[in-house]
Amino acid sequence: MNYIDGFVLAVPTANRETYRRVAQNASAIFKEYGALSVTECWGDDVPEGKVTSFPMAVQRKEDETVVFSWIAWPSRAARDEGMKKAMADPRLKEGMDPMPFDGQRMIYGGFQVIVNE
């Protein structure tokens, strides 16, 4: 069964194109190191919650948009190996100085796929 790395972050809306370019570059690197696919989604209908929500989770500011992303890997072992190689690749840092978002507010984690229809 596949393995997924998931991410939720807030990106300044004015940085949309910069973020898209950085994400496009990163996706090629992740795929080079074994990722099956990389998906980046720009928030379009992401409501504020009363108890919890994507905007609350990433402490979205008025001038920011929520981004929801995932990387699909063939397995946890492939992800561990591929992610280690990608993080050591200097190309991954291109366009990240300054970062087009606040990385301290990014939420991420690895997930075992239990249903994939």
Protein backbone atom coordinates (compact mmCIF):
# COMPACT_ATOMS: atom_id res chain seq x y z
CA MET A 1 0.00 0.00 0.00
CA ASN A 2 1.24 3.53 -0.77
CA TYR A 3 2.48 6.01 1.82
CA ILE A 4 1.54 9.69 1.90
CA ASP A 5 3.33 12.74 3.28
CA GLY A 6 0.71 15.43 3.91
CA PHE A 7 1.19 19.16 4.40
CA VAL A 8 -0.98 22.15 5.29
CA LEU A 9 0.49 25.65 5.31
CA ALA A 10 -0.38 29.31 4.90
CA VAL A 11 1.22 31.16 2.00
CA PRO A 12 1.02 34.92 1.52
CA THR A 13 -1.45 35.32 -1.34
CA ALA A 14 0.98 37.66 -3.12
CA ASN A 15 3.54 34.80 -3.18
CA ARG A 16 1.31 32.39 -5.13
CA GLU A 17 3.46 32.29 -8.27
CA THR A 18 6.72 32.12 -6.31
CA TYR A 19 5.33 29.26 -4.23
CA ARG A 20 4.10 27.48 -7.38
CA ARG A 21 7.58 27.69 -8.95
CA VAL A 22 9.27 26.40 -5.77
CA ALA A 23 6.72 23.57 -5.49
CA GLN A 24 7.17 22.65 -9.16
CA ASN A 25 10.95 22.44 -8.67
CA ALA A 26 10.56 20.41 -5.47
CA SER A 27 8.11 18.00 -7.09
CA ALA A 28 10.66 17.05 -9.76
CA ILE A 29 13.25 16.39 -7.06
CA PHE A 30 10.89 14.26 -4.95
CA LYS A 31 9.92 12.25 -8.03
CA GLU A 32 13.59 11.79 -8.92
CA TYR A 33 14.04 10.18 -5.50
CA GLY A 34 11.08 7.83 -5.75
CA ALA A 35 7.84 9.77 -5.18
CA LEU A 36 4.96 8.56 -7.33
CA SER A 37 3.30 11.97 -7.46
CA VAL A 38 3.25 15.39 -5.83
CA THR A 39 0.04 17.39 -5.51
CA GLU A 40 -0.15 21.05 -4.48
CA CYS A 41 -3.58 22.63 -3.93
CA TRP A 42 -4.24 26.37 -3.51
CA GLY A 43 -7.14 27.06 -1.14
CA ASP A 44 -10.35 28.11 -2.86
CA ASP A 45 -13.14 27.21 -0.41
CA VAL A 46 -11.48 26.88 3.01
CA PRO A 47 -13.89 28.15 5.67
CA GLU A 48 -12.94 29.45 9.09
CA GLY A 49 -14.06 27.11 11.85
CA LYS A 50 -15.49 27.74 15.29
CA VAL A 51 -13.49 24.99 17.03
CA THR A 52 -10.92 23.94 14.45
CA SER A 53 -10.21 24.43 10.75
CA PHE A 54 -7.37 24.57 8.26
CA PRO A 55 -7.05 28.38 8.64
CA MET A 56 -6.96 28.08 12.44
CA ALA A 57 -4.48 25.21 12.37
CA VAL A 58 -1.91 27.19 10.36
CA GLN A 59 -2.77 30.54 11.98
CA ARG A 60 -3.68 31.98 8.57
CA LYS A 61 -3.45 35.75 8.36
CA GLU A 62 -5.81 37.94 6.31
CA ASP A 63 -3.34 38.21 3.43
CA GLU A 64 -2.61 34.47 3.26
CA THR A 65 -4.12 31.44 1.53
CA VAL A 66 -4.18 27.88 2.86
CA VAL A 67 -2.25 25.33 0.79
CA PHE A 68 -2.95 21.60 1.08
CA SER A 69 -0.34 19.26 -0.40
CA TRP A 70 0.70 15.64 -0.47
CA ILE A 71 3.44 13.44 -1.82
CA ALA A 72 2.58 9.83 -2.70
CA TRP A 73 5.30 7.22 -2.23
CA PRO A 74 5.25 3.49 -3.00
CA SER A 75 5.95 2.63 0.67
CA ARG A 76 7.16 4.03 3.99
CA ALA A 77 10.65 2.64 3.29
CA ALA A 78 10.73 4.37 -0.12
CA ARG A 79 9.57 7.59 1.52
CA ASP A 80 12.20 7.43 4.27
CA GLU A 81 14.99 6.87 1.75
CA GLY A 82 13.66 9.32 -0.85
CA MET A 83 12.91 12.09 1.63
CA LYS A 84 16.39 11.80 3.15
CA LYS A 85 17.98 12.14 -0.29
CA ALA A 86 15.69 15.01 -1.30
CA MET A 87 16.37 16.96 1.89
CA ALA A 88 20.13 16.64 1.27
CA ASP A 89 19.81 17.80 -2.35
CA PRO A 90 20.89 21.47 -2.65
CA ARG A 91 18.42 22.00 -5.52
CA LEU A 92 15.57 21.74 -3.02
CA LYS A 93 16.69 25.01 -1.43
CA GLU A 94 16.49 26.97 -4.71
CA GLY A 95 13.99 29.82 -4.39
CA MET A 96 13.75 29.35 -0.63
CA ASP A 97 15.76 32.39 0.44
CA PRO A 98 13.59 33.94 1.61
CA MET A 99 11.02 31.18 1.97
CA PRO A 100 7.72 32.07 0.24
CA PHE A 101 5.83 31.03 3.42
CA ASP A 102 6.33 30.75 7.19
CA GLY A 103 7.63 27.20 7.68
CA GLN A 104 7.04 27.37 11.44
CA ARG A 105 3.28 27.26 10.82
CA MET A 106 3.41 24.33 8.39
CA ILE A 107 1.71 21.13 9.57
CA TYR A 108 3.01 17.87 8.14
CA GLY A 109 3.05 14.15 8.75
CA GLY A 110 3.35 10.72 7.20
CA PHE A 111 0.29 8.55 6.69
CA GLN A 112 -0.41 4.91 5.85
CA VAL A 113 -3.04 4.62 3.14
CA ILE A 114 -5.97 2.53 4.41
CA VAL A 115 -8.52 3.23 1.64
CA ASN A 116 -7.70 4.23 -1.94
CA GLU A 117 -10.67 3.86 -4.31
